């Protein structure tokens, strides 16, 4: 598990670096996004990953790892947005943005550790295609939850789906990094 935590932290560090640089460039312009818009941004990235997995021709420079990093960052944006319970579009100071990012990572990493314990790191035997498919499935679930005004009968809410999406993206990055080392 120590190796997994190190790999997890490295994947997050690369995504966080991008997130904070973009926050410096753009501020927290993502604060205007409603839950459906965050879900759609993740969908776009997952859909592109599927396209890249299925097609040999790539016309835009962003590669699959950068798309998974984008998914991580949008999942964190979604989690942060769920915490900020007001309709006022406000700019978050960079320090608060970093603090909220780190708080969400800590919570999601803890979830990963618990699930890894119970599932025995089964994700290490999964295909790249499965991660993209699972992320897309979670997005479709989230869209239905949003249509149901956030109400579920038996299922987890938006937050749990964002967390699973984030962990799937981290797992994909870990496996991609391992494949590069071969």
C-alpha atoms as a PDB file:
ATOM      1  CA  UNK A   1       0.000   0.000   0.000  1.00  0.00           C
ATOM      2  CA  UNK A   2       2.957   2.345   0.586  1.00  0.00           C
ATOM      3  CA  UNK A   3       3.823   2.174  -3.121  1.00  0.00           C
ATOM      4  CA  UNK A   4       0.223   2.987  -4.036  1.00  0.00           C
ATOM      5  CA  UNK A   5       0.161   6.019  -1.715  1.00  0.00           C
ATOM      6  CA  UNK A   6       3.404   7.314  -3.234  1.00  0.00           C
ATOM      7  CA  UNK A   7       2.068   6.816  -6.752  1.00  0.00           C
ATOM      8  CA  UNK A   8      -1.259   8.371  -5.794  1.00  0.00           C
ATOM      9  CA  UNK A   9       0.479  11.414  -4.314  1.00  0.00           C
ATOM     10  CA  UNK A  10       2.635  11.823  -7.441  1.00  0.00           C
ATOM     11  CA  UNK A  11      -0.423  11.713  -9.715  1.00  0.00           C
ATOM     12  CA  UNK A  12      -2.213  14.256  -7.532  1.00  0.00           C
ATOM     13  CA  UNK A  13       0.852  16.507  -7.370  1.00  0.00           C
ATOM     14  CA  UNK A  14       0.946  16.776 -11.161  1.00  0.00           C
ATOM     15  CA  UNK A  15      -2.793  17.574 -11.323  1.00  0.00           C
ATOM     16  CA  UNK A  16      -2.550  20.043  -8.424  1.00  0.00           C
ATOM     17  CA  UNK A  17       0.340  21.865 -10.075  1.00  0.00           C
ATOM     18  CA  UNK A  18      -1.776  22.442 -13.174  1.00  0.00           C
ATOM     19  CA  UNK A  19      -4.800  23.433 -11.082  1.00  0.00           C
ATOM     20  CA  UNK A  20      -2.875  26.039  -9.097  1.00  0.00           C
ATOM     21  CA  UNK A  21      -1.153  27.488 -12.169  1.00  0.00           C
ATOM     22  CA  UNK A  22      -4.519  27.852 -13.877  1.00  0.00           C
ATOM     23  CA  UNK A  23      -5.958  29.414 -10.721  1.00  0.00           C
ATOM     24  CA  UNK A  24      -3.116  31.940 -10.861  1.00  0.00           C
ATOM     25  CA  UNK A  25      -3.828  32.657 -14.529  1.00  0.00           C
ATOM     26  CA  UNK A  26      -7.645  32.626 -14.483  1.00  0.00           C
ATOM     27  CA  UNK A  27      -8.613  33.006 -10.840  1.00  0.00           C
ATOM     28  CA  UNK A  28     -11.494  30.816  -9.764  1.00  0.00           C
ATOM     29  CA  UNK A  29     -13.600  31.466 -12.844  1.00  0.00           C
ATOM     30  CA  UNK A  30     -14.894  27.893 -12.442  1.00  0.00           C
ATOM     31  CA  UNK A  31     -17.077  29.206  -9.596  1.00  0.00           C
ATOM     32  CA  UNK A  32     -19.721  30.009 -12.244  1.00  0.00           C
ATOM     33  CA  UNK A  33     -20.145  26.320 -13.064  1.00  0.00           C
ATOM     34  CA  UNK A  34     -23.295  24.584 -11.882  1.00  0.00           C
ATOM     35  CA  UNK A  35     -23.216  20.851 -11.090  1.00  0.00           C
ATOM     36  CA  UNK A  36     -24.413  19.905 -14.581  1.00  0.00           C
ATOM     37  CA  UNK A  37     -21.631  21.985 -16.150  1.00  0.00           C
ATOM     38  CA  UNK A  38     -18.947  20.334 -14.036  1.00  0.00           C
ATOM     39  CA  UNK A  39     -20.364  16.931 -14.978  1.00  0.00           C
ATOM     40  CA  UNK A  40     -20.323  17.933 -18.646  1.00  0.00           C
ATOM     41  CA  UNK A  41     -16.678  19.045 -18.444  1.00  0.00           C
ATOM     42  CA  UNK A  42     -15.710  15.660 -17.000  1.00  0.00           C
ATOM     43  CA  UNK A  43     -17.837  13.945 -19.668  1.00  0.00           C
ATOM     44  CA  UNK A  44     -16.025  15.836 -22.442  1.00  0.00           C
ATOM     45  CA  UNK A  45     -12.654  14.707 -21.126  1.00  0.00           C
ATOM     46  CA  UNK A  46     -13.741  11.088 -20.653  1.00  0.00           C
ATOM     47  CA  UNK A  47     -15.310  11.064 -24.115  1.00  0.00           C
ATOM     48  CA  UNK A  48     -12.061  12.382 -25.613  1.00  0.00           C
ATOM     49  CA  UNK A  49     -10.089   9.670 -23.824  1.00  0.00           C
ATOM     50  CA  UNK A  50     -12.391   7.056 -25.377  1.00  0.00           C
ATOM     51  CA  UNK A  51     -11.922   8.629 -28.798  1.00  0.00           C
ATOM     52  CA  UNK A  52      -8.143   8.549 -28.393  1.00  0.00           C
ATOM     53  CA  UNK A  53      -8.275   4.937 -27.243  1.00  0.00           C
ATOM     54  CA  UNK A  54     -10.303   3.945 -30.291  1.00  0.00           C
ATOM     55  CA  UNK A  55      -8.648   6.071 -32.988  1.00  0.00           C
ATOM     56  CA  UNK A  56      -5.038   6.187 -34.057  1.00  0.00           C
ATOM     57  CA  UNK A  57      -5.182   9.728 -35.376  1.00  0.00           C
ATOM     58  CA  UNK A  58      -4.914  12.501 -32.790  1.00  0.00           C
ATOM     59  CA  UNK A  59      -5.267  16.095 -33.975  1.00  0.00           C
ATOM     60  CA  UNK A  60      -5.050  17.999 -30.662  1.00  0.00           C
ATOM     61  CA  UNK A  61      -1.863  17.848 -28.605  1.00  0.00           C
ATOM     62  CA  UNK A  62      -3.371  17.065 -25.174  1.00  0.00           C
ATOM     63  CA  UNK A  63      -2.693  13.414 -24.448  1.00  0.00           C
ATOM     64  CA  UNK A  64      -4.598  10.865 -22.374  1.00  0.00           C
ATOM     65  CA  UNK A  65      -2.689  11.559 -19.127  1.00  0.00           C
ATOM     66  CA  UNK A  66      -3.449  15.279 -19.384  1.00  0.00           C
ATOM     67  CA  UNK A  67      -7.145  14.479 -19.872  1.00  0.00           C
ATOM     68  CA  UNK A  68      -7.132  12.285 -16.736  1.00  0.00           C
ATOM     69  CA  UNK A  69      -5.470  15.151 -14.824  1.00  0.00           C
ATOM     70  CA  UNK A  70      -8.247  17.426 -16.059  1.00  0.00           C
ATOM     71  CA  UNK A  71     -10.828  14.940 -14.785  1.00  0.00           C
ATOM     72  CA  UNK A  72      -9.163  14.949 -11.360  1.00  0.00           C
ATOM     73  CA  UNK A  73      -9.261  18.728 -11.253  1.00  0.00           C
ATOM     74  CA  UNK A  74     -12.873  18.991 -12.375  1.00  0.00           C
ATOM     75  CA  UNK A  75     -13.879  16.368  -9.791  1.00  0.00           C
ATOM     76  CA  UNK A  76     -12.245  18.496  -7.113  1.00  0.00           C
ATOM     77  CA  UNK A  77     -13.964  21.588  -8.481  1.00  0.00           C
ATOM     78  CA  UNK A  78     -17.257  19.702  -8.209  1.00  0.00           C
ATOM     79  CA  UNK A  79     -16.552  18.727  -4.606  1.00  0.00           C
ATOM     80  CA  UNK A  80     -15.569  22.282  -3.688  1.00  0.00           C
ATOM     81  CA  UNK A  81     -18.673  23.666  -5.374  1.00  0.00           C
ATOM     82  CA  UNK A  82     -20.859  21.299  -3.330  1.00  0.00           C
ATOM     83  CA  UNK A  83     -19.340  22.750  -0.151  1.00  0.00           C
ATOM     84  CA  UNK A  84     -19.955  26.369  -1.060  1.00  0.00           C
ATOM     85  CA  UNK A  85     -23.644  26.633  -0.345  1.00  0.00           C
ATOM     86  CA  UNK A  86     -24.572  29.942  -1.899  1.00  0.00           C
ATOM     87  CA  UNK A  87     -25.639  31.264  -5.248  1.00  0.00           C
ATOM     88  CA  UNK A  88     -23.210  34.137  -5.167  1.00  0.00           C
ATOM     89  CA  UNK A  89     -20.407  33.742  -7.673  1.00  0.00           C
ATOM     90  CA  UNK A  90     -17.384  34.686  -5.677  1.00  0.00           C
ATOM     91  CA  UNK A  91     -13.696  34.593  -6.316  1.00  0.00           C
ATOM     92  CA  UNK A  92     -11.764  32.453  -3.897  1.00  0.00           C
ATOM     93  CA  UNK A  93      -8.352  33.685  -2.776  1.00  0.00           C
ATOM     94  CA  UNK A  94      -5.531  31.484  -4.090  1.00  0.00           C
ATOM     95  CA  UNK A  95      -4.625  30.306  -0.584  1.00  0.00           C
ATOM     96  CA  UNK A  96      -8.201  29.234   0.133  1.00  0.00           C
ATOM     97  CA  UNK A  97      -8.383  27.519  -3.233  1.00  0.00           C
ATOM     98  CA  UNK A  98      -5.214  25.546  -2.422  1.00  0.00           C
ATOM     99  CA  UNK A  99      -6.490  24.679   1.047  1.00  0.00           C
ATOM    100  CA  UNK A 100      -9.833  23.432  -0.265  1.00  0.00           C
ATOM    101  CA  UNK A 101      -8.066  21.425  -2.967  1.00  0.00           C
ATOM    102  CA  UNK A 102      -5.818  19.730  -0.412  1.00  0.00           C
ATOM    103  CA  UNK A 103      -8.758  19.048   1.905  1.00  0.00           C
ATOM    104  CA  UNK A 104     -10.675  17.281  -0.878  1.00  0.00           C
ATOM    105  CA  UNK A 105      -7.623  15.270  -1.910  1.00  0.00           C
ATOM    106  CA  UNK A 106      -7.174  14.106   1.668  1.00  0.00           C
ATOM    107  CA  UNK A 107     -10.789  12.939   1.916  1.00  0.00           C
ATOM    108  CA  UNK A 108     -10.724  11.171  -1.457  1.00  0.00           C
ATOM    109  CA  UNK A 109      -7.349   9.537  -0.772  1.00  0.00           C
ATOM    110  CA  UNK A 110      -8.704   8.196   2.529  1.00  0.00           C
ATOM    111  CA  UNK A 111     -11.672   6.705   0.646  1.00  0.00           C
ATOM    112  CA  UNK A 112      -9.254   5.115  -1.825  1.00  0.00           C
ATOM    113  CA  UNK A 113      -7.246   3.567   1.018  1.00  0.00           C
ATOM    114  CA  UNK A 114     -10.374   2.027   2.554  1.00  0.00           C
ATOM    115  CA  UNK A 115     -11.639   0.683  -0.788  1.00  0.00           C
ATOM    116  CA  UNK A 116      -8.169  -0.601  -1.688  1.00  0.00           C
ATOM    117  CA  UNK A 117      -8.133  -2.534   1.557  1.00  0.00           C
ATOM    118  CA  UNK A 118     -11.504  -4.121   0.852  1.00  0.00           C
ATOM    119  CA  UNK A 119     -11.010  -4.706  -2.895  1.00  0.00           C
ATOM    120  CA  UNK A 120      -7.345  -5.713  -2.775  1.00  0.00           C
ATOM    121  CA  UNK A 121      -6.247  -3.156  -5.384  1.00  0.00           C
ATOM    122  CA  UNK A 122      -8.295  -4.857  -8.097  1.00  0.00           C
ATOM    123  CA  UNK A 123      -7.931  -1.677 -10.177  1.00  0.00           C
ATOM    124  CA  UNK A 124      -4.333  -2.686 -10.943  1.00  0.00           C
ATOM    125  CA  UNK A 125      -5.716  -5.450 -13.176  1.00  0.00           C
ATOM    126  CA  UNK A 126      -8.180  -3.220 -15.022  1.00  0.00           C
ATOM    127  CA  UNK A 127      -7.795  -1.851 -18.536  1.00  0.00           C
ATOM    128  CA  UNK A 128      -7.446   1.801 -19.472  1.00  0.00           C
ATOM    129  CA  UNK A 129     -10.672   1.507 -21.414  1.00  0.00           C
ATOM    130  CA  UNK A 130     -12.539   0.509 -18.259  1.00  0.00           C
ATOM    131  CA  UNK A 131     -11.491   3.649 -16.406  1.00  0.00           C
ATOM    132  CA  UNK A 132     -12.874   5.883 -19.150  1.00  0.00           C
ATOM    133  CA  UNK A 133     -16.063   3.813 -19.321  1.00  0.00           C
ATOM    134  CA  UNK A 134     -16.566   3.866 -15.543  1.00  0.00           C
ATOM    135  CA  UNK A 135     -16.062   7.624 -15.449  1.00  0.00           C
ATOM    136  CA  UNK A 136     -18.644   8.075 -18.193  1.00  0.00           C
ATOM    137  CA  UNK A 137     -21.081   5.787 -16.356  1.00  0.00           C
ATOM    138  CA  UNK A 138     -20.648   7.872 -13.194  1.00  0.00           C
ATOM    139  CA  UNK A 139     -21.343  11.027 -15.210  1.00  0.00           C
ATOM    140  CA  UNK A 140     -24.584   9.573 -16.572  1.00  0.00           C
ATOM    141  CA  UNK A 141     -25.562   8.678 -13.003  1.00  0.00           C
ATOM    142  CA  UNK A 142     -24.757  12.201 -11.850  1.00  0.00           C
ATOM    143  CA  UNK A 143     -26.848  13.717 -14.618  1.00  0.00           C
ATOM    144  CA  UNK A 144     -29.795  11.615 -13.475  1.00  0.00           C
ATOM    145  CA  UNK A 145     -29.242  12.694  -9.853  1.00  0.00           C
ATOM    146  CA  UNK A 146     -29.194  16.327 -10.997  1.00  0.00           C
ATOM    147  CA  UNK A 147     -32.445  15.780 -12.952  1.00  0.00           C
ATOM    148  CA  UNK A 148     -33.870  14.349  -9.721  1.00  0.00           C
ATOM    149  CA  UNK A 149     -32.902  17.589  -7.955  1.00  0.00           C
ATOM    150  CA  UNK A 150     -30.204  15.785  -5.978  1.00  0.00           C
ATOM    151  CA  UNK A 151     -32.570  13.255  -4.462  1.00  0.00           C
ATOM    152  CA  UNK A 152     -31.771   9.552  -4.475  1.00  0.00           C
ATOM    153  CA  UNK A 153     -33.676   6.621  -3.022  1.00  0.00           C
ATOM    154  CA  UNK A 154     -30.836   4.217  -2.352  1.00  0.00           C
ATOM    155  CA  UNK A 155     -27.844   5.547  -4.273  1.00  0.00           C
ATOM    156  CA  UNK A 156     -24.943   7.740  -3.261  1.00  0.00           C
ATOM    157  CA  UNK A 157     -25.025  11.421  -4.126  1.00  0.00           C
ATOM    158  CA  UNK A 158     -22.959  13.660  -6.347  1.00  0.00           C
ATOM    159  CA  UNK A 159     -20.085  13.827  -3.861  1.00  0.00           C
ATOM    160  CA  UNK A 160     -19.495  10.059  -3.848  1.00  0.00           C
ATOM    161  CA  UNK A 161     -19.550   9.999  -7.643  1.00  0.00           C
ATOM    162  CA  UNK A 162     -17.001  12.835  -7.868  1.00  0.00           C
ATOM    163  CA  UNK A 163     -14.778  10.920  -5.449  1.00  0.00           C
ATOM    164  CA  UNK A 164     -14.985   7.688  -7.431  1.00  0.00           C
ATOM    165  CA  UNK A 165     -14.322   9.554 -10.678  1.00  0.00           C
ATOM    166  CA  UNK A 166     -11.267  11.177  -9.159  1.00  0.00           C
ATOM    167  CA  UNK A 167      -9.906   7.862  -7.921  1.00  0.00           C
ATOM    168  CA  UNK A 168     -10.485   6.186 -11.299  1.00  0.00           C
ATOM    169  CA  UNK A 169      -8.530   8.987 -12.970  1.00  0.00           C
ATOM    170  CA  UNK A 170      -5.678   8.662 -10.460  1.00  0.00           C
ATOM    171  CA  UNK A 171      -5.577   4.889 -10.972  1.00  0.00           C
ATOM    172  CA  UNK A 172      -5.399   5.412 -14.735  1.00  0.00           C
ATOM    173  CA  UNK A 173      -2.480   7.824 -14.316  1.00  0.00           C
ATOM    174  CA  UNK A 174      -0.658   5.366 -12.062  1.00  0.00           C
ATOM    175  CA  UNK A 175      -1.055   2.536 -14.572  1.00  0.00           C
ATOM    176  CA  UNK A 176      -0.013   4.801 -17.465  1.00  0.00           C
ATOM    177  CA  UNK A 177       3.124   5.833 -15.564  1.00  0.00           C
ATOM    178  CA  UNK A 178       3.933   2.189 -14.814  1.00  0.00           C
ATOM    179  CA  UNK A 179       3.479   1.254 -18.481  1.00  0.00           C
ATOM    180  CA  UNK A 180       5.911   3.991 -19.513  1.00  0.00           C
ATOM    181  CA  UNK A 181       8.538   2.531 -17.199  1.00  0.00           C
ATOM    182  CA  UNK A 182       8.391  -0.890 -18.891  1.00  0.00           C
END
